[in-house]
Amino acid sequence: QRHRYEHSDLNDLESILVKTYDTARNRLIVTDGVFSMDGDVAKLQDICDLAERYDAQVLVDDCHATGFLGKTGRGSPELCGCEPSVDIINTTLGKALGGATGGYTAASQPIVDLLRQRSRPYLFSNTLTPSVVGASLETFRILNESNEQVEKLAANVTLFRNKMKDAGFTISGDNASAIAP
């Protein structure tokens, strides 16, 4: 079964979790970390709290947050302070991590093993080139050693948003987000 909850509506999400509590063996809450059309950040801490309360898992698509958000660029779970509560993170090696192709999924070993055995896109995909892997590893090394690049990006995002507002534009989305519709 699939259920959709209204955008950022935690009451709607909770009603679905209540309704499926006794009828679904496994429940996975899937959310973007940052919503690409609106620039708003998911209420991840609240989502994780609901997941814990109703015995569900959390998957975050963090393609618009990895490398951008959080003190060290680890994305929306780091920004929201709920990294240990997120079960699966799916993200890209592109965008803030250097524009490379490909992506990755981070999860516990049993989940990774299941995905390797059952995920059709994984089974029928091409491997990353050595140059992409090397560039991505170097990007992670840089981010692990210093948060200077993340802080500079955050300062540029703030500057851009402020200058646009000063010029009379209405900018929506979360102030931490580099997406400024």
C-alpha atoms as a PDB file:
ATOM      1  CA  GLN A   1       0.000   0.000   0.000  1.00  0.00           C
ATOM      2  CA  ARG A   2       1.074   3.556  -0.633  1.00  0.00           C
ATOM      3  CA  HIS A   3      -0.268   6.546   1.202  1.00  0.00           C
ATOM      4  CA  ARG A   4       0.560  10.182   0.549  1.00  0.00           C
ATOM      5  CA  TYR A   5       0.420  12.837   3.198  1.00  0.00           C
ATOM      6  CA  GLU A   6      -0.086  16.496   2.399  1.00  0.00           C
ATOM      7  CA  HIS A   7       3.057  18.591   2.053  1.00  0.00           C
ATOM      8  CA  SER A   8       4.532  19.329   5.496  1.00  0.00           C
ATOM      9  CA  ASP A   9       1.261  18.320   7.162  1.00  0.00           C
ATOM     10  CA  LEU A  10       2.342  16.301  10.186  1.00  0.00           C
ATOM     11  CA  ASN A  11      -1.253  15.779  11.337  1.00  0.00           C
ATOM     12  CA  ASP A  12      -2.026  14.118   8.016  1.00  0.00           C
ATOM     13  CA  LEU A  13       1.109  11.963   8.294  1.00  0.00           C
ATOM     14  CA  GLU A  14       0.181  10.943  11.823  1.00  0.00           C
ATOM     15  CA  SER A  15      -3.345   9.987  10.778  1.00  0.00           C
ATOM     16  CA  ILE A  16      -1.895   7.671   8.116  1.00  0.00           C
ATOM     17  CA  LEU A  17       0.510   6.140  10.640  1.00  0.00           C
ATOM     18  CA  VAL A  18      -2.367   5.543  13.049  1.00  0.00           C
ATOM     19  CA  LYS A  19      -4.544   4.049  10.307  1.00  0.00           C
ATOM     20  CA  THR A  20      -1.809   1.644   9.156  1.00  0.00           C
ATOM     21  CA  TYR A  21      -0.381   0.761  12.564  1.00  0.00           C
ATOM     22  CA  ASP A  22      -2.038  -2.660  12.783  1.00  0.00           C
ATOM     23  CA  THR A  23      -2.361  -3.396   9.074  1.00  0.00           C
ATOM     24  CA  ALA A  24       1.135  -2.835   7.662  1.00  0.00           C
ATOM     25  CA  ARG A  25       4.092  -5.004   8.597  1.00  0.00           C
ATOM     26  CA  ASN A  26       6.640  -2.361   7.554  1.00  0.00           C
ATOM     27  CA  ARG A  27       6.095   1.338   7.159  1.00  0.00           C
ATOM     28  CA  LEU A  28       8.509   3.731   5.526  1.00  0.00           C
ATOM     29  CA  ILE A  29       8.062   7.496   5.639  1.00  0.00           C
ATOM     30  CA  VAL A  30       9.665   9.017   2.543  1.00  0.00           C
ATOM     31  CA  THR A  31      10.409  12.728   2.303  1.00  0.00           C
ATOM     32  CA  ASP A  32      12.651  15.161   0.525  1.00  0.00           C
ATOM     33  CA  GLY A  33      15.125  16.862   2.842  1.00  0.00           C
ATOM     34  CA  VAL A  34      14.685  20.082   0.876  1.00  0.00           C
ATOM     35  CA  PHE A  35      11.790  20.416  -1.517  1.00  0.00           C
ATOM     36  CA  SER A  36      13.183  21.462  -4.876  1.00  0.00           C
ATOM     37  CA  MET A  37      10.233  23.553  -6.051  1.00  0.00           C
ATOM     38  CA  ASP A  38       9.639  25.446  -2.807  1.00  0.00           C
ATOM     39  CA  GLY A  39      13.025  25.529  -1.115  1.00  0.00           C
ATOM     40  CA  ASP A  40      11.546  24.566   2.218  1.00  0.00           C
ATOM     41  CA  VAL A  41      13.243  22.103   4.541  1.00  0.00           C
ATOM     42  CA  ALA A  42      11.311  19.067   5.743  1.00  0.00           C
ATOM     43  CA  LYS A  43      10.293  18.992   9.389  1.00  0.00           C
ATOM     44  CA  LEU A  44      12.617  16.053   9.868  1.00  0.00           C
ATOM     45  CA  GLN A  45      12.819  16.053  13.640  1.00  0.00           C
ATOM     46  CA  ASP A  46       9.028  15.916  13.868  1.00  0.00           C
ATOM     47  CA  ILE A  47       8.866  13.240  11.156  1.00  0.00           C
ATOM     48  CA  CYS A  48      11.461  11.152  13.019  1.00  0.00           C
ATOM     49  CA  ASP A  49       9.535  11.580  16.277  1.00  0.00           C
ATOM     50  CA  LEU A  50       6.380  10.275  14.582  1.00  0.00           C
ATOM     51  CA  ALA A  51       8.322   7.391  13.054  1.00  0.00           C
ATOM     52  CA  GLU A  52       9.604   6.382  16.465  1.00  0.00           C
ATOM     53  CA  ARG A  53       6.181   6.703  18.056  1.00  0.00           C
ATOM     54  CA  TYR A  54       4.491   4.576  15.375  1.00  0.00           C
ATOM     55  CA  ASP A  55       7.322   2.114  14.641  1.00  0.00           C
ATOM     56  CA  ALA A  56       8.118   3.320  11.120  1.00  0.00           C
ATOM     57  CA  GLN A  57      11.362   3.976   9.278  1.00  0.00           C
ATOM     58  CA  VAL A  58      12.443   7.227   7.607  1.00  0.00           C
ATOM     59  CA  LEU A  59      13.971   7.665   4.144  1.00  0.00           C
ATOM     60  CA  VAL A  60      15.228  11.113   3.160  1.00  0.00           C
ATOM     61  CA  ASP A  61      15.913  12.107  -0.435  1.00  0.00           C
ATOM     62  CA  ASP A  62      18.601  14.671   0.308  1.00  0.00           C
ATOM     63  CA  CYS A  63      19.727  15.559  -3.215  1.00  0.00           C
ATOM     64  CA  HIS A  64      19.035  19.258  -2.654  1.00  0.00           C
ATOM     65  CA  ALA A  65      20.679  19.385   0.769  1.00  0.00           C
ATOM     66  CA  THR A  66      23.829  17.235   0.713  1.00  0.00           C
ATOM     67  CA  GLY A  67      26.835  19.530   0.659  1.00  0.00           C
ATOM     68  CA  PHE A  68      24.612  22.557   1.272  1.00  0.00           C
ATOM     69  CA  LEU A  69      22.994  22.175   4.671  1.00  0.00           C
ATOM     70  CA  GLY A  70      24.202  21.328   8.131  1.00  0.00           C
ATOM     71  CA  LYS A  71      27.370  22.431   9.851  1.00  0.00           C
ATOM     72  CA  THR A  72      29.518  20.022   7.826  1.00  0.00           C
ATOM     73  CA  GLY A  73      27.308  19.759   4.728  1.00  0.00           C
ATOM     74  CA  ARG A  74      25.806  16.406   5.664  1.00  0.00           C
ATOM     75  CA  GLY A  75      22.379  17.657   4.678  1.00  0.00           C
ATOM     76  CA  SER A  76      18.984  18.085   6.223  1.00  0.00           C
ATOM     77  CA  PRO A  77      19.315  15.387   8.927  1.00  0.00           C
ATOM     78  CA  GLU A  78      22.400  17.189  10.262  1.00  0.00           C
ATOM     79  CA  LEU A  79      20.683  20.582  10.008  1.00  0.00           C
ATOM     80  CA  CYS A  80      17.633  19.284  11.887  1.00  0.00           C
ATOM     81  CA  GLY A  81      19.673  17.374  14.475  1.00  0.00           C
ATOM     82  CA  CYS A  82      18.163  13.980  13.757  1.00  0.00           C
ATOM     83  CA  GLU A  83      20.892  12.082  11.886  1.00  0.00           C
ATOM     84  CA  PRO A  84      20.697   8.947  14.090  1.00  0.00           C
ATOM     85  CA  SER A  85      16.926   8.710  13.556  1.00  0.00           C
ATOM     86  CA  VAL A  86      17.036   8.670   9.738  1.00  0.00           C
ATOM     87  CA  ASP A  87      17.213   5.091   8.467  1.00  0.00           C
ATOM     88  CA  ILE A  88      17.984   5.689   4.792  1.00  0.00           C
ATOM     89  CA  ILE A  89      19.523   8.657   2.994  1.00  0.00           C
ATOM     90  CA  ASN A  90      19.447   8.765  -0.771  1.00  0.00           C
ATOM     91  CA  THR A  91      21.409  11.540  -2.412  1.00  0.00           C
ATOM     92  CA  THR A  92      23.487  12.643  -5.368  1.00  0.00           C
ATOM     93  CA  LEU A  93      27.154  13.141  -6.073  1.00  0.00           C
ATOM     94  CA  GLY A  94      26.169  16.079  -8.254  1.00  0.00           C
ATOM     95  CA  LYS A  95      25.095  19.545  -7.234  1.00  0.00           C
ATOM     96  CA  ALA A  96      27.156  20.749  -4.235  1.00  0.00           C
ATOM     97  CA  LEU A  97      29.475  17.750  -4.281  1.00  0.00           C
ATOM     98  CA  GLY A  98      31.119  18.786  -7.520  1.00  0.00           C
ATOM     99  CA  GLY A  99      28.632  18.152 -10.286  1.00  0.00           C
ATOM    100  CA  ALA A 100      29.643  14.539 -10.845  1.00  0.00           C
ATOM    101  CA  THR A 101      27.224  11.909 -12.027  1.00  0.00           C
ATOM    102  CA  GLY A 102      25.731   9.237  -9.868  1.00  0.00           C
ATOM    103  CA  GLY A 103      24.541   9.052  -6.341  1.00  0.00           C
ATOM    104  CA  TYR A 104      24.447   6.841  -3.315  1.00  0.00           C
ATOM    105  CA  THR A 105      22.273   5.396  -0.607  1.00  0.00           C
ATOM    106  CA  ALA A 106      23.444   5.340   3.001  1.00  0.00           C
ATOM    107  CA  ALA A 107      21.751   2.943   5.404  1.00  0.00           C
ATOM    108  CA  SER A 108      22.390   0.070   7.770  1.00  0.00           C
ATOM    109  CA  GLN A 109      24.111  -2.991   6.313  1.00  0.00           C
ATOM    110  CA  PRO A 110      20.911  -5.115   6.191  1.00  0.00           C
ATOM    111  CA  ILE A 111      19.113  -2.403   4.193  1.00  0.00           C
ATOM    112  CA  VAL A 112      22.076  -1.970   1.832  1.00  0.00           C
ATOM    113  CA  ASP A 113      22.229  -5.753   1.315  1.00  0.00           C
ATOM    114  CA  LEU A 114      18.498  -5.852   0.553  1.00  0.00           C
ATOM    115  CA  LEU A 115      18.828  -3.018  -1.962  1.00  0.00           C
ATOM    116  CA  ARG A 116      21.758  -4.730  -3.667  1.00  0.00           C
ATOM    117  CA  GLN A 117      19.706  -7.897  -4.093  1.00  0.00           C
ATOM    118  CA  ARG A 118      16.281  -6.439  -4.900  1.00  0.00           C
ATOM    119  CA  SER A 119      16.688  -2.974  -6.382  1.00  0.00           C
ATOM    120  CA  ARG A 120      16.168  -3.135 -10.124  1.00  0.00           C
ATOM    121  CA  PRO A 121      17.806   0.259 -10.816  1.00  0.00           C
ATOM    122  CA  TYR A 122      20.891  -0.952  -8.946  1.00  0.00           C
ATOM    123  CA  LEU A 123      20.971  -4.292 -10.750  1.00  0.00           C
ATOM    124  CA  PHE A 124      20.748  -2.739 -14.193  1.00  0.00           C
ATOM    125  CA  SER A 125      22.849   0.370 -13.699  1.00  0.00           C
ATOM    126  CA  ASN A 126      26.351   1.167 -14.824  1.00  0.00           C
ATOM    127  CA  THR A 127      29.124   1.591 -12.311  1.00  0.00           C
ATOM    128  CA  LEU A 128      30.629   4.983 -11.639  1.00  0.00           C
ATOM    129  CA  THR A 129      33.832   5.798 -13.442  1.00  0.00           C
ATOM    130  CA  PRO A 130      37.030   5.813 -11.371  1.00  0.00           C
ATOM    131  CA  SER A 131      37.430   9.560 -11.918  1.00  0.00           C
ATOM    132  CA  VAL A 132      33.963  10.266 -10.488  1.00  0.00           C
ATOM    133  CA  VAL A 133      34.673   8.039  -7.483  1.00  0.00           C
ATOM    134  CA  GLY A 134      38.033   9.746  -6.931  1.00  0.00           C
ATOM    135  CA  ALA A 135      36.590  13.245  -7.188  1.00  0.00           C
ATOM    136  CA  SER A 136      33.734  12.331  -4.844  1.00  0.00           C
ATOM    137  CA  LEU A 137      36.094  10.824  -2.265  1.00  0.00           C
ATOM    138  CA  GLU A 138      38.204  13.985  -2.394  1.00  0.00           C
ATOM    139  CA  THR A 139      35.108  16.132  -1.878  1.00  0.00           C
ATOM    140  CA  PHE A 140      34.146  14.075   1.182  1.00  0.00           C
ATOM    141  CA  ARG A 141      37.715  14.386   2.499  1.00  0.00           C
ATOM    142  CA  ILE A 142      37.590  18.170   2.136  1.00  0.00           C
ATOM    143  CA  LEU A 143      34.210  18.353   3.885  1.00  0.00           C
ATOM    144  CA  ASN A 144      35.455  16.134   6.714  1.00  0.00           C
ATOM    145  CA  GLU A 145      38.525  18.322   7.282  1.00  0.00           C
ATOM    146  CA  SER A 146      36.847  21.730   7.174  1.00  0.00           C
ATOM    147  CA  ASN A 147      33.417  23.281   7.007  1.00  0.00           C
ATOM    148  CA  GLU A 148      34.812  26.432   5.362  1.00  0.00           C
ATOM    149  CA  GLN A 149      33.137  25.718   2.006  1.00  0.00           C
ATOM    150  CA  VAL A 150      29.766  25.005   3.632  1.00  0.00           C
ATOM    151  CA  GLU A 151      29.986  28.211   5.685  1.00  0.00           C
ATOM    152  CA  LYS A 152      30.925  30.229   2.583  1.00  0.00           C
ATOM    153  CA  LEU A 153      27.980  28.799   0.670  1.00  0.00           C
ATOM    154  CA  ALA A 154      25.633  29.564   3.578  1.00  0.00           C
ATOM    155  CA  ALA A 155      26.921  33.151   3.670  1.00  0.00           C
ATOM    156  CA  ASN A 156      26.397  33.490  -0.094  1.00  0.00           C
ATOM    157  CA  VAL A 157      22.853  32.099   0.197  1.00  0.00           C
ATOM    158  CA  THR A 158      22.058  34.616   2.951  1.00  0.00           C
ATOM    159  CA  LEU A 159      23.589  37.468   0.936  1.00  0.00           C
ATOM    160  CA  PHE A 160      21.642  36.517  -2.190  1.00  0.00           C
ATOM    161  CA  ARG A 161      18.342  36.179  -0.344  1.00  0.00           C
ATOM    162  CA  ASN A 162      18.832  39.503   1.453  1.00  0.00           C
ATOM    163  CA  LYS A 163      19.816  41.376  -1.720  1.00  0.00           C
ATOM    164  CA  MET A 164      16.823  39.967  -3.603  1.00  0.00           C
ATOM    165  CA  LYS A 165      14.475  40.975  -0.779  1.00  0.00           C
ATOM    166  CA  ASP A 166      16.071  44.433  -0.648  1.00  0.00           C
ATOM    167  CA  ALA A 167      15.428  44.743  -4.396  1.00  0.00           C
ATOM    168  CA  GLY A 168      11.737  44.086  -3.783  1.00  0.00           C
ATOM    169  CA  PHE A 169      11.492  40.410  -4.668  1.00  0.00           C
ATOM    170  CA  THR A 170       9.520  37.945  -2.602  1.00  0.00           C
ATOM    171  CA  ILE A 171      11.708  34.951  -1.810  1.00  0.00           C
ATOM    172  CA  SER A 172      10.054  31.858  -0.393  1.00  0.00           C
ATOM    173  CA  GLY A 173      11.492  28.720   1.106  1.00  0.00           C
ATOM    174  CA  ASP A 174      13.646  28.143   4.150  1.00  0.00           C
ATOM    175  CA  ASN A 175      16.327  30.779   4.717  1.00  0.00           C
ATOM    176  CA  ALA A 176      18.994  28.038   4.968  1.00  0.00           C
ATOM    177  CA  SER A 177      18.085  26.626   1.567  1.00  0.00           C
ATOM    178  CA  ALA A 178      20.004  27.544  -1.566  1.00  0.00           C
ATOM    179  CA  ILE A 179      16.738  27.091  -3.469  1.00  0.00           C
ATOM    180  CA  ALA A 180      15.153  30.537  -3.551  1.00  0.00           C
ATOM    181  CA  PRO A 181      11.972  30.560  -5.656  1.00  0.00           C
END
